[in-house]
Amino acid sequence: MTKEKTKDILAKILILGFLFTVILIFAEGIFANTITHKFKSPSFNGTGTSSHYLTIENQENTRKLTLKEEIKALQDEIERDKDNTTLARFVRNLESRIYAQLSRQLVENLFGETTQTEGTLELEGNSITYTSDGEFISLIITDADGNTTEITLPIGSFTF
């Protein structure tokens, strides 16, 4: 054998030895293991299932409450918009002026130049009856259900 052939054989043995060593080092990761499938969802694998269900229930309840609050806010906004129309403001202003006029007329009848000793006023299903005996004024307010409220005022104690 020649020197060159010996060197070639030696080089091949070294290369094969090196490759064999590398294969042995990395061969540990090459061996296969059995494939096992695990579900990530607690609903399927059972790990942490109760806390998973509680989380879902809390999310559902929170969403329901949020929807209820949004619906309530929209209903309130619609109601405010109805109350803020030009017609609604006009009606409120007219009612206020009519009530002020009725109140002024009632005060005139009780304390004015030509006082009346008794009278009745019907207002939106309510009956207001007033009587005066010279010392006291009695107001009897009867609502549509028949409930009464009586107010007695002394005449001589009103001084301004």
Foldseek 3Di string as FASTA:
>chain_A
DDPVVVVVVVVVVVVVVVVVVVCVVPVVVVDDDDDDDDDPDCVPRVVCVVVVVVVVVVVVVVVVVVVVVVVVVVVVVVVVVVCPDPVNVVVVVVVVVVVVVVVVVQCCCPPNPPHDQWDWDDDPQKIWIWGHDPFKIWIWIAHNVGDIDIDIDGDPPDDD
